[in-house]
Amino acid sequence: MMHDVIRLKNITKSFGGHTVLNDFSAEIPLYGVTVIRGASGAGKTTLFRLLLGLEKPDAGEIIGMQGRKPAVVFQEDRLLPWSTALENVALGSDAARADAALSRLGLCESMCQLPRELSGGMKRRVAIARALAYGGDILFLDEPFTGLDEENKRIAARVMLDAHIPILVITHDDAEADLFGEYHEIVID
């Protein structure tokens, strides 16, 4: 059964004796955009990793992710250096979806280039295109606009919103959060 929210109930997660999240609870609506904020080291990326099932909580439970197909833009671009932009984006989808996502992000001329031939901002757009082409039903974005100029930030935000799926975004930048228009906010302290 799909839920209209993801519920985090009393989540605790520690690494090597250092508690990152302690008895953390929140509800993440599964519509629109939710911005996750907190100081550096507060546990934002750990929260994403828990939601994605890449880490297990030491205590507590996560309800509402079962049966979901998340698409993710990590802090790092994570591109295969031996594959072209198009091949990188098509990894979890197909060439037609990859071509369309790259085109929407303004990378028509760069599809056949390897990552080493791309600027930092272009690599970032390739990573965004890969998540969009994947066709997930919820989009996880961890500092998605790193390396993008203002125009490409606006374009990327519009393209992500056009996917019409729930978006969870970690950003330290209010102006970047505002690119998504109205949003819900969760603060981790």
C-alpha atoms as a PDB file:
ATOM      1  CA  MET A   1       0.000   0.000   0.000  1.00  0.00           C
ATOM      2  CA  MET A   2       1.345   3.435  -0.949  1.00  0.00           C
ATOM      3  CA  HIS A   3       1.285   6.174   1.679  1.00  0.00           C
ATOM      4  CA  ASP A   4       0.801   9.894   1.186  1.00  0.00           C
ATOM      5  CA  VAL A   5       3.691  10.561   3.571  1.00  0.00           C
ATOM      6  CA  ILE A   6       6.931   8.961   4.620  1.00  0.00           C
ATOM      7  CA  ARG A   7       7.006   8.674   8.397  1.00  0.00           C
ATOM      8  CA  LEU A   8      10.259   8.694  10.312  1.00  0.00           C
ATOM      9  CA  LYS A   9       9.570   7.492  13.838  1.00  0.00           C
ATOM     10  CA  ASN A  10      12.199   7.959  16.543  1.00  0.00           C
ATOM     11  CA  ILE A  11      15.157   7.354  14.212  1.00  0.00           C
ATOM     12  CA  THR A  12      18.574   7.010  15.834  1.00  0.00           C
ATOM     13  CA  LYS A  13      21.761   6.412  13.851  1.00  0.00           C
ATOM     14  CA  SER A  14      25.335   6.397  15.106  1.00  0.00           C
ATOM     15  CA  PHE A  15      28.694   5.823  13.435  1.00  0.00           C
ATOM     16  CA  GLY A  16      31.657   4.747  15.540  1.00  0.00           C
ATOM     17  CA  GLY A  17      30.098   5.961  18.768  1.00  0.00           C
ATOM     18  CA  HIS A  18      29.109   9.348  17.288  1.00  0.00           C
ATOM     19  CA  THR A  19      25.326   9.823  17.203  1.00  0.00           C
ATOM     20  CA  VAL A  20      24.279  11.554  13.983  1.00  0.00           C
ATOM     21  CA  LEU A  21      20.497  11.312  14.403  1.00  0.00           C
ATOM     22  CA  ASN A  22      18.982  10.935  17.852  1.00  0.00           C
ATOM     23  CA  ASP A  23      15.305  10.051  18.274  1.00  0.00           C
ATOM     24  CA  PHE A  24      14.457  11.986  15.089  1.00  0.00           C
ATOM     25  CA  SER A  25      10.850  11.985  13.891  1.00  0.00           C
ATOM     26  CA  ALA A  26       9.294  13.722  10.895  1.00  0.00           C
ATOM     27  CA  GLU A  27       6.691  13.314   8.183  1.00  0.00           C
ATOM     28  CA  ILE A  28       7.703  13.897   4.572  1.00  0.00           C
ATOM     29  CA  PRO A  29       4.744  14.607   2.288  1.00  0.00           C
ATOM     30  CA  LEU A  30       4.779  12.668  -0.970  1.00  0.00           C
ATOM     31  CA  TYR A  31       3.849  15.597  -3.168  1.00  0.00           C
ATOM     32  CA  GLY A  32       5.615  18.781  -4.133  1.00  0.00           C
ATOM     33  CA  VAL A  33       9.053  19.664  -2.812  1.00  0.00           C
ATOM     34  CA  THR A  34      10.449  19.074   0.677  1.00  0.00           C
ATOM     35  CA  VAL A  35      13.666  20.880   1.619  1.00  0.00           C
ATOM     36  CA  ILE A  36      15.780  19.271   4.315  1.00  0.00           C
ATOM     37  CA  ARG A  37      17.972  21.713   6.220  1.00  0.00           C
ATOM     38  CA  GLY A  38      20.478  21.534   9.022  1.00  0.00           C
ATOM     39  CA  ALA A  39      24.005  22.510   9.908  1.00  0.00           C
ATOM     40  CA  SER A  40      26.896  20.666   8.313  1.00  0.00           C
ATOM     41  CA  GLY A  41      27.161  17.256   9.980  1.00  0.00           C
ATOM     42  CA  ALA A  42      23.589  17.383  11.334  1.00  0.00           C
ATOM     43  CA  GLY A  43      22.635  14.166   9.534  1.00  0.00           C
ATOM     44  CA  LYS A  44      20.936  15.294   6.306  1.00  0.00           C
ATOM     45  CA  THR A  45      22.847  12.918   4.027  1.00  0.00           C
ATOM     46  CA  THR A  46      22.547  10.145   6.633  1.00  0.00           C
ATOM     47  CA  LEU A  47      18.783  10.692   6.582  1.00  0.00           C
ATOM     48  CA  PHE A  48      18.793  10.247   2.784  1.00  0.00           C
ATOM     49  CA  ARG A  49      20.885   7.096   3.072  1.00  0.00           C
ATOM     50  CA  LEU A  50      18.419   5.707   5.625  1.00  0.00           C
ATOM     51  CA  LEU A  51      15.425   6.547   3.429  1.00  0.00           C
ATOM     52  CA  LEU A  52      17.119   4.904   0.442  1.00  0.00           C
ATOM     53  CA  GLY A  53      17.916   1.763   2.443  1.00  0.00           C
ATOM     54  CA  LEU A  54      21.677   2.276   2.071  1.00  0.00           C
ATOM     55  CA  GLU A  55      21.949   2.409   5.878  1.00  0.00           C
ATOM     56  CA  LYS A  56      19.778   0.861   8.577  1.00  0.00           C
ATOM     57  CA  PRO A  57      18.663   2.859  11.625  1.00  0.00           C
ATOM     58  CA  ASP A  58      20.004   1.738  15.004  1.00  0.00           C
ATOM     59  CA  ALA A  59      16.531   2.403  16.407  1.00  0.00           C
ATOM     60  CA  GLY A  60      13.191   3.624  15.116  1.00  0.00           C
ATOM     61  CA  GLU A  61      11.343   2.920  11.898  1.00  0.00           C
ATOM     62  CA  ILE A  62      10.713   4.358   8.453  1.00  0.00           C
ATOM     63  CA  ILE A  63       7.225   3.878   7.031  1.00  0.00           C
ATOM     64  CA  GLY A  64       6.177   4.722   3.485  1.00  0.00           C
ATOM     65  CA  MET A  65       9.243   3.909   1.369  1.00  0.00           C
ATOM     66  CA  GLN A  66       8.181   0.317   0.715  1.00  0.00           C
ATOM     67  CA  GLY A  67       7.464  -0.260  -2.967  1.00  0.00           C
ATOM     68  CA  ARG A  68       8.899   3.097  -4.036  1.00  0.00           C
ATOM     69  CA  LYS A  69      11.369   3.569  -6.859  1.00  0.00           C
ATOM     70  CA  PRO A  70      13.693   6.404  -5.815  1.00  0.00           C
ATOM     71  CA  ALA A  71      15.813   8.359  -8.301  1.00  0.00           C
ATOM     72  CA  VAL A  72      18.877   9.970  -6.727  1.00  0.00           C
ATOM     73  CA  VAL A  73      21.321  12.795  -7.392  1.00  0.00           C
ATOM     74  CA  PHE A  74      24.118  12.308  -4.858  1.00  0.00           C
ATOM     75  CA  GLN A  75      26.532  15.039  -3.721  1.00  0.00           C
ATOM     76  CA  GLU A  76      29.109  13.567  -6.105  1.00  0.00           C
ATOM     77  CA  ASP A  77      28.256  13.160  -9.797  1.00  0.00           C
ATOM     78  CA  ARG A  78      29.245   9.453  -9.818  1.00  0.00           C
ATOM     79  CA  LEU A  79      29.714   9.227 -13.589  1.00  0.00           C
ATOM     80  CA  LEU A  80      31.494   6.325 -15.276  1.00  0.00           C
ATOM     81  CA  PRO A  81      34.652   7.885 -16.774  1.00  0.00           C
ATOM     82  CA  TRP A  82      34.741   5.494 -19.759  1.00  0.00           C
ATOM     83  CA  SER A  83      31.122   6.158 -20.779  1.00  0.00           C
ATOM     84  CA  THR A  84      29.751   9.100 -22.742  1.00  0.00           C
ATOM     85  CA  ALA A  85      27.211  11.480 -21.235  1.00  0.00           C
ATOM     86  CA  LEU A  86      24.450   9.631 -23.109  1.00  0.00           C
ATOM     87  CA  GLU A  87      25.698   6.211 -21.934  1.00  0.00           C
ATOM     88  CA  ASN A  88      25.917   7.440 -18.327  1.00  0.00           C
ATOM     89  CA  VAL A  89      22.351   8.711 -18.407  1.00  0.00           C
ATOM     90  CA  ALA A  90      21.030   5.574 -20.168  1.00  0.00           C
ATOM     91  CA  LEU A  91      22.460   3.276 -17.457  1.00  0.00           C
ATOM     92  CA  GLY A  92      19.158   2.944 -15.620  1.00  0.00           C
ATOM     93  CA  SER A  93      16.849   3.649 -18.545  1.00  0.00           C
ATOM     94  CA  ASP A  94      17.344   3.661 -22.311  1.00  0.00           C
ATOM     95  CA  ALA A  95      18.875   5.854 -25.002  1.00  0.00           C
ATOM     96  CA  ALA A  96      15.594   7.607 -25.892  1.00  0.00           C
ATOM     97  CA  ARG A  97      14.853   8.635 -22.288  1.00  0.00           C
ATOM     98  CA  ALA A  98      18.501   9.604 -21.790  1.00  0.00           C
ATOM     99  CA  ASP A  99      18.531  11.725 -24.949  1.00  0.00           C
ATOM    100  CA  ALA A 100      15.328  13.508 -23.879  1.00  0.00           C
ATOM    101  CA  ALA A 101      16.637  14.250 -20.355  1.00  0.00           C
ATOM    102  CA  LEU A 102      19.976  15.550 -21.635  1.00  0.00           C
ATOM    103  CA  SER A 103      18.205  17.705 -24.229  1.00  0.00           C
ATOM    104  CA  ARG A 104      15.895  19.269 -21.623  1.00  0.00           C
ATOM    105  CA  LEU A 105      18.984  20.182 -19.589  1.00  0.00           C
ATOM    106  CA  GLY A 106      20.708  21.837 -22.565  1.00  0.00           C
ATOM    107  CA  LEU A 107      23.280  19.131 -23.269  1.00  0.00           C
ATOM    108  CA  CYS A 108      22.360  18.190 -26.867  1.00  0.00           C
ATOM    109  CA  GLU A 109      25.843  19.031 -28.124  1.00  0.00           C
ATOM    110  CA  SER A 110      27.602  17.095 -25.343  1.00  0.00           C
ATOM    111  CA  MET A 111      25.944  13.671 -25.466  1.00  0.00           C
ATOM    112  CA  CYS A 112      28.937  11.914 -27.000  1.00  0.00           C
ATOM    113  CA  GLN A 113      31.532  13.457 -24.680  1.00  0.00           C
ATOM    114  CA  LEU A 114      33.245  11.594 -21.871  1.00  0.00           C
ATOM    115  CA  PRO A 115      33.077  13.049 -18.351  1.00  0.00           C
ATOM    116  CA  ARG A 116      36.697  14.290 -18.550  1.00  0.00           C
ATOM    117  CA  GLU A 117      35.641  16.445 -21.526  1.00  0.00           C
ATOM    118  CA  LEU A 118      32.793  18.093 -19.604  1.00  0.00           C
ATOM    119  CA  SER A 119      32.885  21.076 -17.245  1.00  0.00           C
ATOM    120  CA  GLY A 120      31.855  20.592 -13.626  1.00  0.00           C
ATOM    121  CA  GLY A 121      28.423  22.085 -14.306  1.00  0.00           C
ATOM    122  CA  MET A 122      27.919  19.857 -17.338  1.00  0.00           C
ATOM    123  CA  LYS A 123      28.805  16.760 -15.293  1.00  0.00           C
ATOM    124  CA  ARG A 124      26.272  17.848 -12.695  1.00  0.00           C
ATOM    125  CA  ARG A 125      23.557  18.175 -15.337  1.00  0.00           C
ATOM    126  CA  VAL A 126      24.443  14.700 -16.628  1.00  0.00           C
ATOM    127  CA  ALA A 127      23.945  13.343 -13.084  1.00  0.00           C
ATOM    128  CA  ILE A 128      20.567  15.130 -12.875  1.00  0.00           C
ATOM    129  CA  ALA A 129      19.580  13.821 -16.319  1.00  0.00           C
ATOM    130  CA  ARG A 130      20.449  10.261 -15.240  1.00  0.00           C
ATOM    131  CA  ALA A 131      18.123  10.509 -12.221  1.00  0.00           C
ATOM    132  CA  LEU A 132      15.317  11.965 -14.352  1.00  0.00           C
ATOM    133  CA  ALA A 133      15.704   9.401 -17.161  1.00  0.00           C
ATOM    134  CA  TYR A 134      15.570   6.579 -14.612  1.00  0.00           C
ATOM    135  CA  GLY A 135      11.873   7.242 -14.136  1.00  0.00           C
ATOM    136  CA  GLY A 136      11.635   6.977 -10.366  1.00  0.00           C
ATOM    137  CA  ASP A 137       8.546   7.923  -8.414  1.00  0.00           C
ATOM    138  CA  ILE A 138      10.408  10.112  -5.884  1.00  0.00           C
ATOM    139  CA  LEU A 139      13.469  12.282  -6.549  1.00  0.00           C
ATOM    140  CA  PHE A 140      16.226  12.589  -3.912  1.00  0.00           C
ATOM    141  CA  LEU A 141      18.584  15.541  -4.444  1.00  0.00           C
ATOM    142  CA  ASP A 142      21.660  16.074  -2.258  1.00  0.00           C
ATOM    143  CA  GLU A 143      23.062  19.555  -3.048  1.00  0.00           C
ATOM    144  CA  PRO A 144      21.889  19.204  -6.677  1.00  0.00           C
ATOM    145  CA  PHE A 145      23.032  22.597  -8.009  1.00  0.00           C
ATOM    146  CA  THR A 146      26.739  22.344  -7.144  1.00  0.00           C
ATOM    147  CA  GLY A 147      28.799  23.812  -9.992  1.00  0.00           C
ATOM    148  CA  LEU A 148      25.826  25.219 -11.939  1.00  0.00           C
ATOM    149  CA  ASP A 149      25.516  28.865 -12.950  1.00  0.00           C
ATOM    150  CA  GLU A 150      22.294  30.714 -12.153  1.00  0.00           C
ATOM    151  CA  GLU A 151      20.657  30.084 -15.544  1.00  0.00           C
ATOM    152  CA  ASN A 152      21.375  26.347 -15.456  1.00  0.00           C
ATOM    153  CA  LYS A 153      20.110  26.155 -11.856  1.00  0.00           C
ATOM    154  CA  ARG A 154      16.788  27.642 -13.023  1.00  0.00           C
ATOM    155  CA  ILE A 155      16.606  25.288 -16.013  1.00  0.00           C
ATOM    156  CA  ALA A 156      17.443  22.221 -13.884  1.00  0.00           C
ATOM    157  CA  ALA A 157      14.870  23.131 -11.219  1.00  0.00           C
ATOM    158  CA  ARG A 158      12.173  23.596 -13.881  1.00  0.00           C
ATOM    159  CA  VAL A 159      13.032  20.264 -15.552  1.00  0.00           C
ATOM    160  CA  MET A 160      12.943  18.461 -12.179  1.00  0.00           C
ATOM    161  CA  LEU A 161       9.577  20.025 -11.314  1.00  0.00           C
ATOM    162  CA  ASP A 162       8.255  19.014 -14.745  1.00  0.00           C
ATOM    163  CA  ALA A 163       8.765  15.354 -13.730  1.00  0.00           C
ATOM    164  CA  HIS A 164       5.700  15.780 -11.455  1.00  0.00           C
ATOM    165  CA  ILE A 165       7.017  13.490  -8.740  1.00  0.00           C
ATOM    166  CA  PRO A 166       7.772  14.277  -5.080  1.00  0.00           C
ATOM    167  CA  ILE A 167      11.177  15.912  -4.608  1.00  0.00           C
ATOM    168  CA  LEU A 168      13.309  15.745  -1.453  1.00  0.00           C
ATOM    169  CA  VAL A 169      16.216  18.173  -1.592  1.00  0.00           C
ATOM    170  CA  ILE A 170      19.120  18.908   0.703  1.00  0.00           C
ATOM    171  CA  THR A 171      20.498  22.409   0.211  1.00  0.00           C
ATOM    172  CA  HIS A 172      22.239  25.003   2.356  1.00  0.00           C
ATOM    173  CA  ASP A 173      21.238  27.786  -0.021  1.00  0.00           C
ATOM    174  CA  ASP A 174      17.890  29.582   0.442  1.00  0.00           C
ATOM    175  CA  ALA A 175      18.029  30.931  -3.127  1.00  0.00           C
ATOM    176  CA  GLU A 176      18.431  27.386  -4.477  1.00  0.00           C
ATOM    177  CA  ALA A 177      15.494  26.155  -2.380  1.00  0.00           C
ATOM    178  CA  ASP A 178      13.440  29.070  -3.727  1.00  0.00           C
ATOM    179  CA  LEU A 179      14.039  27.849  -7.311  1.00  0.00           C
ATOM    180  CA  PHE A 180      11.475  25.128  -6.571  1.00  0.00           C
ATOM    181  CA  GLY A 181       8.775  27.637  -5.609  1.00  0.00           C
ATOM    182  CA  GLU A 182       6.681  26.583  -2.634  1.00  0.00           C
ATOM    183  CA  TYR A 183       8.123  23.817  -0.512  1.00  0.00           C
ATOM    184  CA  HIS A 184       7.797  21.998   2.791  1.00  0.00           C
ATOM    185  CA  GLU A 185      10.724  22.199   5.163  1.00  0.00           C
ATOM    186  CA  ILE A 186      12.254  19.737   7.608  1.00  0.00           C
ATOM    187  CA  VAL A 187      15.018  20.939   9.909  1.00  0.00           C
ATOM    188  CA  ILE A 188      17.517  18.574  11.516  1.00  0.00           C
ATOM    189  CA  ASP A 189      19.293  20.061  14.535  1.00  0.00           C
END
